[in-house]
PDB file of N, CA and C in Angstrom:
ATOM      1  N   MET A   1       6.698  -5.151 100.616  1.00  0.00           N
ATOM      2  CA  MET A   1       5.600  -4.615  99.764  1.00  0.00           C
ATOM      3  C   MET A   1       6.273  -3.883  98.576  1.00  0.00           C
ATOM      4  N   ALA A   2       6.260  -4.555  97.440  1.00  0.00           N
ATOM      5  CA  ALA A   2       6.845  -3.959  96.169  1.00  0.00           C
ATOM      6  C   ALA A   2       5.715  -3.425  95.323  1.00  0.00           C
ATOM      7  N   LEU A   3       5.663  -2.107  95.169  1.00  0.00           N
ATOM      8  CA  LEU A   3       4.610  -1.515  94.458  1.00  0.00           C
ATOM      9  C   LEU A   3       5.004  -1.318  92.943  1.00  0.00           C
ATOM     10  N   LYS A   4       4.037  -1.507  92.041  1.00  0.00           N
ATOM     11  CA  LYS A   4       4.255  -1.329  90.633  1.00  0.00           C
ATOM     12  C   LYS A   4       3.202  -0.354  90.092  1.00  0.00           C
ATOM     13  N   ILE A   5       3.602   0.423  89.118  1.00  0.00           N
ATOM     14  CA  ILE A   5       2.632   1.225  88.368  1.00  0.00           C
ATOM     15  C   ILE A   5       2.547   0.523  87.032  1.00  0.00           C
ATOM     16  N   ARG A   6       1.347   0.014  86.750  1.00  0.00           N
ATOM     17  CA  ARG A   6       1.183  -0.835  85.575  1.00  0.00           C
ATOM     18  C   ARG A   6      -0.210  -0.669  84.915  1.00  0.00           C
ATOM     19  N   LEU A   7      -0.336  -1.340  83.763  1.00  0.00           N
ATOM     20  CA  LEU A   7      -1.577  -1.275  83.013  1.00  0.00           C
ATOM     21  C   LEU A   7      -2.534  -2.324  83.452  1.00  0.00           C
ATOM     22  N   ARG A   8      -3.754  -1.989  83.494  1.00  0.00           N
ATOM     23  CA  ARG A   8      -4.874  -2.952  83.874  1.00  0.00           C
ATOM     24  C   ARG A   8      -5.886  -2.957  82.696  1.00  0.00           C
ATOM     25  N   ARG A   9      -6.037  -4.081  82.022  1.00  0.00           N
ATOM     26  CA  ARG A   9      -6.862  -4.120  80.906  1.00  0.00           C
ATOM     27  C   ARG A   9      -8.344  -4.204  81.301  1.00  0.00           C
ATOM     28  N   ILE A  10      -9.182  -3.320  80.682  1.00  0.00           N
ATOM     29  CA  ILE A  10     -10.588  -3.353  80.934  1.00  0.00           C
ATOM     30  C   ILE A  10     -11.368  -3.453  79.624  1.00  0.00           C
ATOM     31  N   GLY A  11     -10.721  -3.436  78.497  1.00  0.00           N
ATOM     32  CA  GLY A  11     -11.434  -3.525  77.229  1.00  0.00           C
ATOM     33  C   GLY A  11     -11.970  -4.910  76.978  1.00  0.00           C
ATOM     34  N   LYS A  12     -12.907  -4.976  75.989  1.00  0.00           N
ATOM     35  CA  LYS A  12     -13.469  -6.248  75.636  1.00  0.00           C
ATOM     36  C   LYS A  12     -12.405  -7.150  74.995  1.00  0.00           C
ATOM     37  N   ARG A  13     -12.334  -8.376  75.437  1.00  0.00           N
ATOM     38  CA  ARG A  13     -11.305  -9.301  74.910  1.00  0.00           C
ATOM     39  C   ARG A  13     -11.663  -9.917  73.593  1.00  0.00           C
ATOM     40  N   PRO A  14     -12.882 -10.506  73.409  1.00  0.00           N
ATOM     41  CA  PRO A  14     -13.096 -11.190  72.148  1.00  0.00           C
ATOM     42  C   PRO A  14     -13.329 -10.165  71.013  1.00  0.00           C
ATOM     43  N   LYS A  15     -13.642  -8.955  71.280  1.00  0.00           N
ATOM     44  CA  LYS A  15     -13.852  -7.990  70.243  1.00  0.00           C
ATOM     45  C   LYS A  15     -12.620  -7.235  69.800  1.00  0.00           C
ATOM     46  N   LYS A  16     -11.463  -7.532  70.443  1.00  0.00           N
ATOM     47  CA  LYS A  16     -10.146  -6.883  70.125  1.00  0.00           C
ATOM     48  C   LYS A  16     -10.296  -5.382  70.256  1.00  0.00           C
ATOM     49  N   ARG A  17     -10.895  -4.911  71.342  1.00  0.00           N
ATOM     50  CA  ARG A  17     -11.003  -3.481  71.667  1.00  0.00           C
ATOM     51  C   ARG A  17     -10.266  -3.187  72.918  1.00  0.00           C
ATOM     52  N   PRO A  18      -8.954  -3.073  72.899  1.00  0.00           N
ATOM     53  CA  PRO A  18      -8.207  -2.843  74.157  1.00  0.00           C
ATOM     54  C   PRO A  18      -8.405  -1.444  74.733  1.00  0.00           C
ATOM     55  N   PHE A  19      -8.441  -1.425  76.037  1.00  0.00           N
ATOM     56  CA  PHE A  19      -8.496  -0.118  76.761  1.00  0.00           C
ATOM     57  C   PHE A  19      -7.860  -0.420  78.112  1.00  0.00           C
ATOM     58  N   PHE A  20      -6.977   0.450  78.572  1.00  0.00           N
ATOM     59  CA  PHE A  20      -6.206   0.148  79.786  1.00  0.00           C
ATOM     60  C   PHE A  20      -6.358   1.284  80.786  1.00  0.00           C
ATOM     61  N   ARG A  21      -6.334   0.916  82.077  1.00  0.00           N
ATOM     62  CA  ARG A  21      -6.232   1.916  83.130  1.00  0.00           C
ATOM     63  C   ARG A  21      -4.850   1.815  83.734  1.00  0.00           C
ATOM     64  N   ILE A  22      -4.268   2.962  84.096  1.00  0.00           N
ATOM     65  CA  ILE A  22      -2.940   2.973  84.726  1.00  0.00           C
ATOM     66  C   ILE A  22      -3.152   2.971  86.180  1.00  0.00           C
ATOM     67  N   THR A  23      -2.640   1.900  86.869  1.00  0.00           N
ATOM     68  CA  THR A  23      -2.918   1.732  88.266  1.00  0.00           C
ATOM     69  C   THR A  23      -1.702   1.460  89.082  1.00  0.00           C
ATOM     70  N   VAL A  24      -1.803   1.637  90.371  1.00  0.00           N
ATOM     71  CA  VAL A  24      -0.751   1.364  91.296  1.00  0.00           C
ATOM     72  C   VAL A  24      -1.234   0.085  92.104  1.00  0.00           C
ATOM     73  N   ALA A  25      -0.381  -0.966  92.091  1.00  0.00           N
ATOM     74  CA  ALA A  25      -0.735  -2.164  92.752  1.00  0.00           C
ATOM     75  C   ALA A  25       0.526  -2.879  93.256  1.00  0.00           C
ATOM     76  N   GLU A  26       0.342  -3.832  94.147  1.00  0.00           N
ATOM     77  CA  GLU A  26       1.469  -4.650  94.583  1.00  0.00           C
ATOM     78  C   GLU A  26       1.805  -5.603  93.466  1.00  0.00           C
ATOM     79  N   SER A  27       3.108  -5.883  93.384  1.00  0.00           N
ATOM     80  CA  SER A  27       3.607  -6.679  92.242  1.00  0.00           C
ATOM     81  C   SER A  27       3.031  -8.144  92.324  1.00  0.00           C
ATOM     82  N   SER A  28       2.672  -8.597  93.487  1.00  0.00           N
ATOM     83  CA  SER A  28       2.164  -9.987  93.602  1.00  0.00           C
ATOM     84  C   SER A  28       0.723 -10.089  93.229  1.00  0.00           C
ATOM     85  N   TRP A  29      -0.001  -9.000  93.137  1.00  0.00           N
ATOM     86  CA  TRP A  29      -1.431  -9.010  92.793  1.00  0.00           C
ATOM     87  C   TRP A  29      -1.605  -9.261  91.265  1.00  0.00           C
ATOM     88  N   ALA A  30      -2.776  -9.856  90.949  1.00  0.00           N
ATOM     89  CA  ALA A  30      -3.053 -10.172  89.536  1.00  0.00           C
ATOM     90  C   ALA A  30      -3.146  -8.881  88.752  1.00  0.00           C
ATOM     91  N   ARG A  31      -2.822  -8.976  87.387  1.00  0.00           N
ATOM     92  CA  ARG A  31      -2.863  -7.800  86.527  1.00  0.00           C
ATOM     93  C   ARG A  31      -4.192  -7.107  86.532  1.00  0.00           C
ATOM     94  N   ASP A  32      -5.266  -7.828  86.415  1.00  0.00           N
ATOM     95  CA  ASP A  32      -6.612  -7.262  86.377  1.00  0.00           C
ATOM     96  C   ASP A  32      -7.336  -7.373  87.720  1.00  0.00           C
ATOM     97  N   GLY A  33      -6.608  -7.638  88.744  1.00  0.00           N
ATOM     98  CA  GLY A  33      -7.231  -7.798  90.096  1.00  0.00           C
ATOM     99  C   GLY A  33      -7.312  -6.496  90.853  1.00  0.00           C
ATOM    100  N   LYS A  34      -7.159  -6.560  92.140  1.00  0.00           N
ATOM    101  CA  LYS A  34      -7.333  -5.362  92.956  1.00  0.00           C
ATOM    102  C   LYS A  34      -6.097  -4.467  92.789  1.00  0.00           C
ATOM    103  N   PHE A  35      -6.309  -3.176  93.146  1.00  0.00           N
ATOM    104  CA  PHE A  35      -5.278  -2.183  93.002  1.00  0.00           C
ATOM    105  C   PHE A  35      -5.424  -1.158  94.088  1.00  0.00           C
ATOM    106  N   ILE A  36      -4.386  -0.354  94.322  1.00  0.00           N
ATOM    107  CA  ILE A  36      -4.426   0.728  95.326  1.00  0.00           C
ATOM    108  C   ILE A  36      -5.085   1.949  94.862  1.00  0.00           C
ATOM    109  N   GLU A  37      -4.625   2.464  93.657  1.00  0.00           N
ATOM    110  CA  GLU A  37      -5.158   3.666  93.097  1.00  0.00           C
ATOM    111  C   GLU A  37      -5.029   3.656  91.585  1.00  0.00           C
ATOM    112  N   GLU A  38      -6.016   4.280  90.945  1.00  0.00           N
ATOM    113  CA  GLU A  38      -6.064   4.481  89.508  1.00  0.00           C
ATOM    114  C   GLU A  38      -5.540   5.907  89.223  1.00  0.00           C
ATOM    115  N   ILE A  39      -4.538   6.024  88.393  1.00  0.00           N
ATOM    116  CA  ILE A  39      -3.958   7.347  88.170  1.00  0.00           C
ATOM    117  C   ILE A  39      -4.048   7.816  86.661  1.00  0.00           C
ATOM    118  N   GLY A  40      -4.695   7.009  85.829  1.00  0.00           N
ATOM    119  CA  GLY A  40      -4.832   7.468  84.439  1.00  0.00           C
ATOM    120  C   GLY A  40      -5.426   6.338  83.565  1.00  0.00           C
ATOM    121  N   PHE A  41      -5.412   6.596  82.274  1.00  0.00           N
ATOM    122  CA  PHE A  41      -5.856   5.560  81.313  1.00  0.00           C
ATOM    123  C   PHE A  41      -5.127   5.708  79.978  1.00  0.00           C
ATOM    124  N   TYR A  42      -5.195   4.659  79.179  1.00  0.00           N
ATOM    125  CA  TYR A  42      -4.531   4.603  77.882  1.00  0.00           C
ATOM    126  C   TYR A  42      -5.500   3.899  76.886  1.00  0.00           C
ATOM    127  N   ASP A  43      -5.806   4.591  75.764  1.00  0.00           N
ATOM    128  CA  ASP A  43      -6.685   3.981  74.771  1.00  0.00           C
ATOM    129  C   ASP A  43      -5.924   3.964  73.445  1.00  0.00           C
ATOM    130  N   PRO A  44      -5.384   2.772  73.087  1.00  0.00           N
ATOM    131  CA  PRO A  44      -4.613   2.591  71.893  1.00  0.00           C
ATOM    132  C   PRO A  44      -5.438   2.533  70.604  1.00  0.00           C
ATOM    133  N   THR A  45      -6.745   2.484  70.696  1.00  0.00           N
ATOM    134  CA  THR A  45      -7.611   2.393  69.513  1.00  0.00           C
ATOM    135  C   THR A  45      -7.821   3.716  68.789  1.00  0.00           C
ATOM    136  N   LYS A  46      -7.606   4.831  69.516  1.00  0.00           N
ATOM    137  CA  LYS A  46      -7.700   6.141  68.883  1.00  0.00           C
ATOM    138  C   LYS A  46      -6.500   6.442  68.018  1.00  0.00           C
ATOM    139  N   ASN A  47      -6.671   7.391  67.151  1.00  0.00           N
ATOM    140  CA  ASN A  47      -5.557   7.767  66.279  1.00  0.00           C
ATOM    141  C   ASN A  47      -5.341   9.271  66.436  1.00  0.00           C
ATOM    142  N   PRO A  48      -4.381   9.789  67.138  1.00  0.00           N
ATOM    143  CA  PRO A  48      -3.318   9.117  67.832  1.00  0.00           C
ATOM    144  C   PRO A  48      -3.796   8.501  69.116  1.00  0.00           C
ATOM    145  N   PRO A  49      -3.073   7.597  69.737  1.00  0.00           N
ATOM    146  CA  PRO A  49      -3.487   6.979  70.954  1.00  0.00           C
ATOM    147  C   PRO A  49      -3.758   8.021  72.090  1.00  0.00           C
ATOM    148  N   LEU A  50      -4.760   7.817  72.857  1.00  0.00           N
ATOM    149  CA  LEU A  50      -5.159   8.752  73.915  1.00  0.00           C
ATOM    150  C   LEU A  50      -4.547   8.305  75.239  1.00  0.00           C
ATOM    151  N   ILE A  51      -3.801   9.184  75.857  1.00  0.00           N
ATOM    152  CA  ILE A  51      -3.131   8.877  77.116  1.00  0.00           C
ATOM    153  C   ILE A  51      -3.479  10.024  78.064  1.00  0.00           C
ATOM    154  N   LYS A  52      -4.024   9.640  79.274  1.00  0.00           N
ATOM    155  CA  LYS A  52      -4.244  10.643  80.315  1.00  0.00           C
ATOM    156  C   LYS A  52      -3.676  10.097  81.574  1.00  0.00           C
ATOM    157  N   LEU A  53      -2.720  10.885  82.133  1.00  0.00           N
ATOM    158  CA  LEU A  53      -2.061  10.475  83.361  1.00  0.00           C
ATOM    159  C   LEU A  53      -1.966  11.629  84.330  1.00  0.00           C
ATOM    160  N   ASN A  54      -2.344  11.387  85.562  1.00  0.00           N
ATOM    161  CA  ASN A  54      -2.278  12.382  86.617  1.00  0.00           C
ATOM    162  C   ASN A  54      -0.790  12.452  87.066  1.00  0.00           C
ATOM    163  N   LYS A  55      -0.117  13.463  86.557  1.00  0.00           N
ATOM    164  CA  LYS A  55       1.387  13.563  86.794  1.00  0.00           C
ATOM    165  C   LYS A  55       1.703  13.670  88.280  1.00  0.00           C
ATOM    166  N   GLU A  56       0.886  14.478  89.015  1.00  0.00           N
ATOM    167  CA  GLU A  56       1.128  14.655  90.415  1.00  0.00           C
ATOM    168  C   GLU A  56       1.060  13.330  91.182  1.00  0.00           C
ATOM    169  N   ARG A  57       0.024  12.557  90.936  1.00  0.00           N
ATOM    170  CA  ARG A  57      -0.069  11.244  91.596  1.00  0.00           C
ATOM    171  C   ARG A  57       1.003  10.272  91.152  1.00  0.00           C
ATOM    172  N   TYR A  58       1.380  10.327  89.895  1.00  0.00           N
ATOM    173  CA  TYR A  58       2.500   9.481  89.353  1.00  0.00           C
ATOM    174  C   TYR A  58       3.751   9.817  90.066  1.00  0.00           C
ATOM    175  N   GLN A  59       4.107  11.109  90.229  1.00  0.00           N
ATOM    176  CA  GLN A  59       5.369  11.485  90.954  1.00  0.00           C
ATOM    177  C   GLN A  59       5.267  11.143  92.425  1.00  0.00           C
ATOM    178  N   TYR A  60       4.059  11.231  93.015  1.00  0.00           N
ATOM    179  CA  TYR A  60       3.848  10.844  94.418  1.00  0.00           C
ATOM    180  C   TYR A  60       4.255   9.379  94.600  1.00  0.00           C
ATOM    181  N   TRP A  61       3.691   8.478  93.736  1.00  0.00           N
ATOM    182  CA  TRP A  61       3.960   7.096  93.935  1.00  0.00           C
ATOM    183  C   TRP A  61       5.395   6.725  93.604  1.00  0.00           C
ATOM    184  N   ILE A  62       6.038   7.425  92.689  1.00  0.00           N
ATOM    185  CA  ILE A  62       7.441   7.182  92.381  1.00  0.00           C
ATOM    186  C   ILE A  62       8.285   7.517  93.614  1.00  0.00           C
ATOM    187  N   LYS A  63       7.937   8.610  94.302  1.00  0.00           N
ATOM    188  CA  LYS A  63       8.698   9.011  95.514  1.00  0.00           C
ATOM    189  C   LYS A  63       8.416   8.006  96.654  1.00  0.00           C
ATOM    190  N   LYS A  64       7.266   7.359  96.713  1.00  0.00           N
ATOM    191  CA  LYS A  64       6.958   6.338  97.677  1.00  0.00           C
ATOM    192  C   LYS A  64       7.652   5.057  97.381  1.00  0.00           C
ATOM    193  N   GLY A  65       8.322   4.873  96.148  1.00  0.00           N
ATOM    194  CA  GLY A  65       9.081   3.673  95.871  1.00  0.00           C
ATOM    195  C   GLY A  65       8.404   2.776  94.844  1.00  0.00           C
ATOM    196  N   ALA A  66       7.298   3.182  94.268  1.00  0.00           N
ATOM    197  CA  ALA A  66       6.676   2.348  93.203  1.00  0.00           C
ATOM    198  C   ALA A  66       7.499   2.431  91.965  1.00  0.00           C
ATOM    199  N   LYS A  67       7.625   1.287  91.286  1.00  0.00           N
ATOM    200  CA  LYS A  67       8.385   1.156  90.056  1.00  0.00           C
ATOM    201  C   LYS A  67       7.431   1.047  88.905  1.00  0.00           C
ATOM    202  N   PRO A  68       7.558   1.961  87.882  1.00  0.00           N
ATOM    203  CA  PRO A  68       6.667   1.773  86.736  1.00  0.00           C
ATOM    204  C   PRO A  68       7.175   0.624  85.833  1.00  0.00           C
ATOM    205  N   THR A  69       6.221  -0.037  85.177  1.00  0.00           N
ATOM    206  CA  THR A  69       6.625  -1.035  84.185  1.00  0.00           C
ATOM    207  C   THR A  69       7.221  -0.297  83.015  1.00  0.00           C
ATOM    208  N   GLU A  70       7.875  -1.028  82.135  1.00  0.00           N
ATOM    209  CA  GLU A  70       8.544  -0.461  80.920  1.00  0.00           C
ATOM    210  C   GLU A  70       7.509   0.331  80.059  1.00  0.00           C
ATOM    211  N   THR A  71       6.362  -0.261  79.885  1.00  0.00           N
ATOM    212  CA  THR A  71       5.329   0.326  79.023  1.00  0.00           C
ATOM    213  C   THR A  71       4.802   1.611  79.662  1.00  0.00           C
ATOM    214  N   VAL A  72       4.506   1.569  80.952  1.00  0.00           N
ATOM    215  CA  VAL A  72       4.006   2.746  81.593  1.00  0.00           C
ATOM    216  C   VAL A  72       5.061   3.850  81.589  1.00  0.00           C
ATOM    217  N   ALA A  73       6.324   3.520  81.801  1.00  0.00           N
ATOM    218  CA  ALA A  73       7.394   4.537  81.754  1.00  0.00           C
ATOM    219  C   ALA A  73       7.458   5.160  80.418  1.00  0.00           C
ATOM    220  N   ASN A  74       7.340   4.396  79.315  1.00  0.00           N
ATOM    221  CA  ASN A  74       7.281   4.962  77.950  1.00  0.00           C
ATOM    222  C   ASN A  74       6.063   5.898  77.734  1.00  0.00           C
ATOM    223  N   LEU A  75       4.942   5.480  78.280  1.00  0.00           N
ATOM    224  CA  LEU A  75       3.732   6.330  78.149  1.00  0.00           C
ATOM    225  C   LEU A  75       3.825   7.590  78.874  1.00  0.00           C
ATOM    226  N   ALA A  76       4.503   7.523  80.040  1.00  0.00           N
ATOM    227  CA  ALA A  76       4.701   8.717  80.869  1.00  0.00           C
ATOM    228  C   ALA A  76       5.583   9.767  80.192  1.00  0.00           C
ATOM    229  N   LYS A  77       6.533   9.311  79.395  1.00  0.00           N
ATOM    230  CA  LYS A  77       7.378  10.209  78.648  1.00  0.00           C
ATOM    231  C   LYS A  77       6.682  11.007  77.604  1.00  0.00           C
ATOM    232  N   LYS A  78       5.574  10.393  77.043  1.00  0.00           N
ATOM    233  CA  LYS A  78       4.881  11.046  75.948  1.00  0.00           C
ATOM    234  C   LYS A  78       4.002  12.172  76.359  1.00  0.00           C
TER     235      LYS A  78
END
């Protein structure tokens, strides 16, 4: 069971309005499919981009062995 902390797109696709939720899911599951827990969101359409991340839950999942994707790791630093 390899856990990933990654982005899940929920914004409208044809309208080019991206909006992402930061979720914990198994690496074999689909990007927009099922997930274990939602720990934040990212809205790149705002100026500056809006990032909300529950740091306690993020650290909890890192300690459990979940690996953040490169994008999520960069967002967590901000």
